[in-house]
Amino acid sequence: MEKYRNKVVIFTNVASFCGYTDSNYNAFKELDSVYREKGLRVAAFPCNQFGKQEPESNANILKFVKSSYMYTPDMYAKINVNGPSAHPLWKFLKKERGSAVAADIPWNFSKFLVDKSGHVVGRYSHAVDPLDLEEEISRLLRT
C-alpha cells in the first residue's frame, strides 16, 4: 500500500451496527484531527463476519460514517478478515502480530498499528479505545 509510505497507520475492521462503533469512530476522528497533518492515517475495512453487523453496501457504509461522524477514515470495500477468503493485507497483519492461540481477528474494531516503514508494531483488541494508542502514535510519528 504505497499510499501509506512514511505514514503511521491504524488498520481496523469496522461495522456500522456494533456496540463499539460510536466510541471507535469518535476516537478515530479525534486522533485524525490531532495527528493527520503529522502523518497518521486510519484505514477502515468494513467486515460482516462478526454478528452480521455490517450488512450494508459499500456506498451506504460510507454515507453512514460521513453523516454520523462528520469524518471519513480511508474507507475500503467490505472484506473478510478471517478464513480462506481473508484479504491478503489482513493475512499479513495477523501473521506479523498473531499468536498460536489467537491469530484470527475476534471481533469488529480490532486494530493494528503500523509504523512509517510498514512494520506492524501493535495489535489491539476491539475493547481497546483508540485514544489509548495516542502515546505510541505520537512516538512513532516523531521517529
Protein backbone atom coordinates (compact mmCIF):
# COMPACT_ATOMS: atom_id res chain seq x y z
CA MET A 1 0.00 0.00 0.00
CA GLU A 2 2.24 2.66 -1.39
CA LYS A 3 -0.04 5.48 -0.25
CA TYR A 4 0.99 4.76 3.34
CA ARG A 5 4.73 5.02 2.81
CA ASN A 6 6.17 7.22 5.59
CA LYS A 7 2.81 7.25 7.39
CA VAL A 8 1.76 5.74 10.70
CA VAL A 9 -1.42 3.75 10.08
CA ILE A 10 -4.14 2.21 12.19
CA PHE A 11 -5.72 -0.66 10.25
CA THR A 12 -9.12 -1.62 11.65
CA ASN A 13 -12.06 -3.80 10.70
CA VAL A 14 -15.27 -1.83 11.13
CA ALA A 15 -19.01 -2.41 11.34
CA SER A 16 -21.90 0.05 11.40
CA PHE A 17 -24.14 -1.85 13.82
CA CYS A 18 -21.69 -2.79 16.57
CA GLY A 19 -21.62 -1.67 20.17
CA TYR A 20 -18.10 -0.34 19.57
CA THR A 21 -19.00 1.73 16.50
CA ASP A 22 -19.60 5.13 18.10
CA SER A 23 -16.69 5.07 20.52
CA ASN A 24 -14.20 3.93 17.88
CA TYR A 25 -15.25 6.32 15.11
CA ASN A 26 -15.30 9.23 17.56
CA ALA A 27 -11.83 8.30 18.81
CA PHE A 28 -10.51 7.89 15.25
CA LYS A 29 -11.93 11.31 14.41
CA GLU A 30 -10.19 12.86 17.42
CA LEU A 31 -6.86 11.22 16.60
CA ASP A 32 -7.22 12.32 12.98
CA SER A 33 -7.83 15.93 13.98
CA VAL A 34 -4.63 15.99 16.03
CA TYR A 35 -2.26 13.79 14.01
CA ARG A 36 -3.34 13.72 10.34
CA GLU A 37 -1.04 16.56 9.31
CA LYS A 38 1.80 14.81 11.14
CA GLY A 39 1.26 11.62 9.13
CA LEU A 40 -1.37 9.45 10.84
CA ARG A 41 -3.92 7.60 8.75
CA VAL A 42 -6.82 5.36 9.74
CA ALA A 43 -7.55 2.61 7.22
CA ALA A 44 -11.03 1.18 7.82
CA PHE A 45 -12.14 -2.12 6.32
CA PRO A 46 -15.85 -2.96 6.69
CA CYS A 47 -16.44 -6.59 7.56
CA ASN A 48 -19.63 -8.60 8.06
CA GLN A 49 -18.04 -11.67 9.66
CA PHE A 50 -18.95 -10.80 13.25
CA GLY A 51 -22.62 -10.94 14.18
CA LYS A 52 -23.63 -9.77 10.69
CA GLN A 53 -23.13 -6.21 11.99
CA GLU A 54 -22.09 -4.77 8.61
CA PRO A 55 -24.79 -5.83 6.14
CA GLU A 56 -24.80 -2.56 4.18
CA SER A 57 -23.33 -1.87 0.75
CA ASN A 58 -20.01 -0.06 0.48
CA ALA A 59 -21.79 3.13 -0.62
CA ASN A 60 -24.20 3.02 2.32
CA ILE A 61 -21.38 2.36 4.78
CA LEU A 62 -19.51 5.43 3.56
CA LYS A 63 -22.68 7.53 3.68
CA PHE A 64 -23.41 6.36 7.24
CA VAL A 65 -19.92 7.19 8.51
CA LYS A 66 -19.82 10.61 6.82
CA SER A 67 -23.25 11.64 8.08
CA SER A 68 -22.99 10.16 11.57
CA TYR A 69 -19.46 11.27 12.47
CA MET A 70 -18.66 14.14 10.10
CA TYR A 71 -15.45 12.27 9.48
CA THR A 72 -14.26 9.71 7.00
CA PRO A 73 -11.24 7.49 7.50
CA ASP A 74 -9.58 5.89 4.49
CA MET A 75 -12.58 3.63 3.86
CA TYR A 76 -12.10 0.48 1.82
CA ALA A 77 -14.55 -2.00 0.32
CA LYS A 78 -16.06 -4.68 2.53
CA ILE A 79 -13.76 -7.64 3.07
CA ASN A 80 -13.31 -10.78 5.11
CA VAL A 81 -10.57 -10.68 7.75
CA ASN A 82 -10.63 -14.38 8.72
CA GLY A 83 -10.77 -17.70 6.94
CA PRO A 84 -9.63 -18.76 3.48
CA SER A 85 -11.23 -15.71 1.87
CA ALA A 86 -9.47 -13.24 4.20
CA HIS A 87 -8.00 -10.23 2.41
CA PRO A 88 -4.22 -10.63 1.82
CA LEU A 89 -3.45 -7.47 3.80
CA TRP A 90 -5.24 -8.88 6.82
CA LYS A 91 -3.47 -12.22 6.43
CA PHE A 92 -0.20 -10.27 6.56
CA LEU A 93 -1.23 -8.19 9.59
CA LYS A 94 -2.32 -11.28 11.50
CA LYS A 95 0.87 -13.15 10.59
CA GLU A 96 3.01 -10.26 11.79
CA ARG A 97 1.17 -9.82 15.10
CA GLY A 98 -0.70 -13.05 15.66
CA SER A 99 -0.09 -15.84 18.11
CA ALA A 100 -0.55 -19.57 18.12
CA VAL A 101 -3.58 -19.12 20.37
CA ALA A 102 -5.37 -16.20 18.73
CA ALA A 103 -4.23 -15.41 15.22
CA ASP A 104 -7.77 -14.79 13.99
CA ILE A 105 -9.50 -11.47 14.43
CA PRO A 106 -12.02 -11.96 17.27
CA TRP A 107 -14.45 -9.09 16.64
CA ASN A 108 -15.16 -5.76 14.94
CA PHE A 109 -12.76 -2.87 15.58
CA SER A 110 -9.63 -4.92 16.09
CA LYS A 111 -6.70 -2.64 15.40
CA PHE A 112 -3.16 -2.95 14.04
CA LEU A 113 -0.69 -0.10 14.40
CA VAL A 114 1.90 0.10 11.61
CA ASP A 115 4.95 2.35 11.61
CA LYS A 116 6.32 4.52 8.79
CA SER A 117 8.41 1.62 7.48
CA GLY A 118 5.43 -0.73 7.23
CA HIS A 119 6.26 -2.79 10.33
CA VAL A 120 3.36 -3.95 12.46
CA VAL A 121 4.22 -2.61 15.91
CA GLY A 122 1.00 -3.39 17.76
CA ARG A 123 -2.19 -5.39 17.70
CA TYR A 124 -5.13 -4.31 19.84
CA SER A 125 -8.48 -5.86 20.58
CA HIS A 126 -11.87 -4.32 19.97
CA ALA A 127 -12.03 -3.41 23.67
CA VAL A 128 -9.03 -1.07 23.41
CA ASP A 129 -10.00 2.58 22.97
CA PRO A 130 -8.07 4.04 20.02
CA LEU A 131 -7.19 7.03 22.24
CA ASP A 132 -5.16 4.63 24.38
CA LEU A 133 -2.79 4.34 21.39
CA GLU A 134 -2.08 8.07 21.35
CA GLU A 135 1.25 7.93 23.18
CA GLU A 136 2.56 5.22 20.85
CA ILE A 137 1.23 7.05 17.78
CA SER A 138 2.93 10.25 18.86
CA ARG A 139 6.22 8.40 19.43
CA LEU A 140 6.04 6.70 16.03
CA LEU A 141 5.31 9.98 14.25
CA ARG A 142 8.43 11.54 15.82
CA THR A 143 10.76 8.80 14.57
